[in-house]
Amino acid sequence: AKMWKPDTAGAKARNEAVRSSKYLGRALWRNLTGYHRRSRVETKMHCVKLLGQRLLARDFDRQVAEIQIRAAILNGFTALGIPRTVAVG
């Protein structure tokens, strides 16, 4: 990553993160800061938004059902990507 011009507080914080990741090494930096976990959460929230930005139902109970359906869809897609480990022998 390249350093940004330190014009804003956000740019300064980003530059500090870039410096520390280069100094510590990317793997150690991820473990210390929890970056990998945050990244996975952000990716999953993006997937939730792809299913729709808003709830279509007006009734509260139906809104709950709509959210549960979206969660079931996401869990189904996640399950497709997880390998099954089988003991041999």
C-alpha atoms as a PDB file:
ATOM      1  CA  ALA A   1       0.000   0.000   0.000  1.00  0.00           C
ATOM      2  CA  LYS A   2       1.130   3.527  -0.667  1.00  0.00           C
ATOM      3  CA  MET A   3       1.090   6.276   1.918  1.00  0.00           C
ATOM      4  CA  TRP A   4      -1.598   8.923   1.570  1.00  0.00           C
ATOM      5  CA  LYS A   5      -1.108  12.631   2.050  1.00  0.00           C
ATOM      6  CA  PRO A   6      -1.716  13.240   5.781  1.00  0.00           C
ATOM      7  CA  ASP A   7      -4.470  15.788   5.155  1.00  0.00           C
ATOM      8  CA  THR A   8      -7.102  14.267   7.429  1.00  0.00           C
ATOM      9  CA  ALA A   9      -7.211  12.209  10.607  1.00  0.00           C
ATOM     10  CA  GLY A  10      -8.370   9.192   8.596  1.00  0.00           C
ATOM     11  CA  ALA A  11      -5.381   9.437   6.266  1.00  0.00           C
ATOM     12  CA  LYS A  12      -3.017   9.696   9.244  1.00  0.00           C
ATOM     13  CA  ALA A  13      -4.574   6.605  10.849  1.00  0.00           C
ATOM     14  CA  ARG A  14      -4.313   4.687   7.575  1.00  0.00           C
ATOM     15  CA  ASN A  15      -0.668   5.677   7.153  1.00  0.00           C
ATOM     16  CA  GLU A  16       0.038   4.457  10.692  1.00  0.00           C
ATOM     17  CA  ALA A  17      -1.640   1.119   9.909  1.00  0.00           C
ATOM     18  CA  VAL A  18       0.424   0.779   6.717  1.00  0.00           C
ATOM     19  CA  ARG A  19       3.620   1.537   8.630  1.00  0.00           C
ATOM     20  CA  SER A  20       2.862  -0.955  11.380  1.00  0.00           C
ATOM     21  CA  SER A  21       1.888  -3.708   8.930  1.00  0.00           C
ATOM     22  CA  LYS A  22       5.163  -3.237   7.066  1.00  0.00           C
ATOM     23  CA  TYR A  23       7.169  -3.175  10.313  1.00  0.00           C
ATOM     24  CA  LEU A  24       5.509  -6.176  11.989  1.00  0.00           C
ATOM     25  CA  GLY A  25       4.753  -8.177   8.888  1.00  0.00           C
ATOM     26  CA  ARG A  26       1.275  -8.622   7.540  1.00  0.00           C
ATOM     27  CA  ALA A  27       0.409 -11.896   9.311  1.00  0.00           C
ATOM     28  CA  LEU A  28       1.404 -10.669  12.778  1.00  0.00           C
ATOM     29  CA  TRP A  29      -0.280  -7.310  12.186  1.00  0.00           C
ATOM     30  CA  ARG A  30      -3.548  -9.052  11.262  1.00  0.00           C
ATOM     31  CA  ASN A  31      -3.472 -11.150  14.431  1.00  0.00           C
ATOM     32  CA  LEU A  32      -2.676  -8.207  16.690  1.00  0.00           C
ATOM     33  CA  THR A  33      -5.288  -5.867  15.257  1.00  0.00           C
ATOM     34  CA  GLY A  34      -8.061  -8.376  14.472  1.00  0.00           C
ATOM     35  CA  TYR A  35      -8.068  -7.155  10.876  1.00  0.00           C
ATOM     36  CA  HIS A  36      -8.955 -10.525   9.361  1.00  0.00           C
ATOM     37  CA  ARG A  37     -12.066 -10.854  11.518  1.00  0.00           C
ATOM     38  CA  ARG A  38     -13.188  -7.311  10.649  1.00  0.00           C
ATOM     39  CA  SER A  39     -12.581  -7.985   6.974  1.00  0.00           C
ATOM     40  CA  ARG A  40     -14.740 -11.110   7.082  1.00  0.00           C
ATOM     41  CA  VAL A  41     -17.544  -9.208   8.835  1.00  0.00           C
ATOM     42  CA  GLU A  42     -17.409  -6.414   6.253  1.00  0.00           C
ATOM     43  CA  THR A  43     -17.580  -8.969   3.441  1.00  0.00           C
ATOM     44  CA  LYS A  44     -20.586 -10.677   5.022  1.00  0.00           C
ATOM     45  CA  MET A  45     -22.364  -7.327   5.503  1.00  0.00           C
ATOM     46  CA  HIS A  46     -21.777  -6.611   1.818  1.00  0.00           C
ATOM     47  CA  CYS A  47     -23.468  -9.920   1.016  1.00  0.00           C
ATOM     48  CA  VAL A  48     -26.422  -8.960   3.235  1.00  0.00           C
ATOM     49  CA  LYS A  49     -26.782  -5.680   1.367  1.00  0.00           C
ATOM     50  CA  LEU A  50     -26.760  -7.515  -1.967  1.00  0.00           C
ATOM     51  CA  LEU A  51     -29.968  -9.238  -0.857  1.00  0.00           C
ATOM     52  CA  GLY A  52     -31.618  -5.835  -0.495  1.00  0.00           C
ATOM     53  CA  GLN A  53     -30.923  -2.537   1.198  1.00  0.00           C
ATOM     54  CA  ARG A  54     -34.376  -2.317   2.803  1.00  0.00           C
ATOM     55  CA  LEU A  55     -37.008  -4.551   4.257  1.00  0.00           C
ATOM     56  CA  LEU A  56     -40.043  -4.890   2.026  1.00  0.00           C
ATOM     57  CA  ALA A  57     -42.519  -6.013   4.700  1.00  0.00           C
ATOM     58  CA  ARG A  58     -44.366  -3.406   6.737  1.00  0.00           C
ATOM     59  CA  ASP A  59     -45.575  -5.593   9.591  1.00  0.00           C
ATOM     60  CA  PHE A  60     -42.968  -6.224  12.314  1.00  0.00           C
ATOM     61  CA  ASP A  61     -43.503  -9.999  12.420  1.00  0.00           C
ATOM     62  CA  ARG A  62     -43.092 -10.201   8.658  1.00  0.00           C
ATOM     63  CA  GLN A  63     -39.942  -8.070   8.857  1.00  0.00           C
ATOM     64  CA  VAL A  64     -38.525 -10.566  11.358  1.00  0.00           C
ATOM     65  CA  ALA A  65     -39.400 -13.409   8.993  1.00  0.00           C
ATOM     66  CA  GLU A  66     -37.780 -11.555   6.086  1.00  0.00           C
ATOM     67  CA  ILE A  67     -34.545 -11.125   8.035  1.00  0.00           C
ATOM     68  CA  GLN A  68     -34.597 -14.797   9.038  1.00  0.00           C
ATOM     69  CA  ILE A  69     -35.021 -15.812   5.390  1.00  0.00           C
ATOM     70  CA  ARG A  70     -32.056 -13.643   4.362  1.00  0.00           C
ATOM     71  CA  ALA A  71     -29.945 -15.154   7.139  1.00  0.00           C
ATOM     72  CA  ALA A  72     -30.922 -18.667   6.008  1.00  0.00           C
ATOM     73  CA  ILE A  73     -29.918 -17.837   2.431  1.00  0.00           C
ATOM     74  CA  LEU A  74     -26.536 -16.501   3.567  1.00  0.00           C
ATOM     75  CA  ASN A  75     -25.965 -19.519   5.807  1.00  0.00           C
ATOM     76  CA  GLY A  76     -26.797 -21.813   2.892  1.00  0.00           C
ATOM     77  CA  PHE A  77     -24.267 -20.088   0.644  1.00  0.00           C
ATOM     78  CA  THR A  78     -21.669 -20.163   3.421  1.00  0.00           C
ATOM     79  CA  ALA A  79     -22.259 -23.890   3.943  1.00  0.00           C
ATOM     80  CA  LEU A  80     -21.614 -24.507   0.246  1.00  0.00           C
ATOM     81  CA  GLY A  81     -18.145 -23.038   0.596  1.00  0.00           C
ATOM     82  CA  ILE A  82     -17.090 -25.030   3.680  1.00  0.00           C
ATOM     83  CA  PRO A  83     -15.307 -28.290   2.860  1.00  0.00           C
ATOM     84  CA  ARG A  84     -16.411 -31.499   4.531  1.00  0.00           C
ATOM     85  CA  THR A  85     -13.645 -33.374   6.295  1.00  0.00           C
ATOM     86  CA  VAL A  86     -14.015 -37.155   6.410  1.00  0.00           C
ATOM     87  CA  ALA A  87     -11.767 -39.481   8.390  1.00  0.00           C
ATOM     88  CA  VAL A  88     -10.193 -42.182   6.218  1.00  0.00           C
ATOM     89  CA  GLY A  89      -9.173 -45.550   7.557  1.00  0.00           C
END
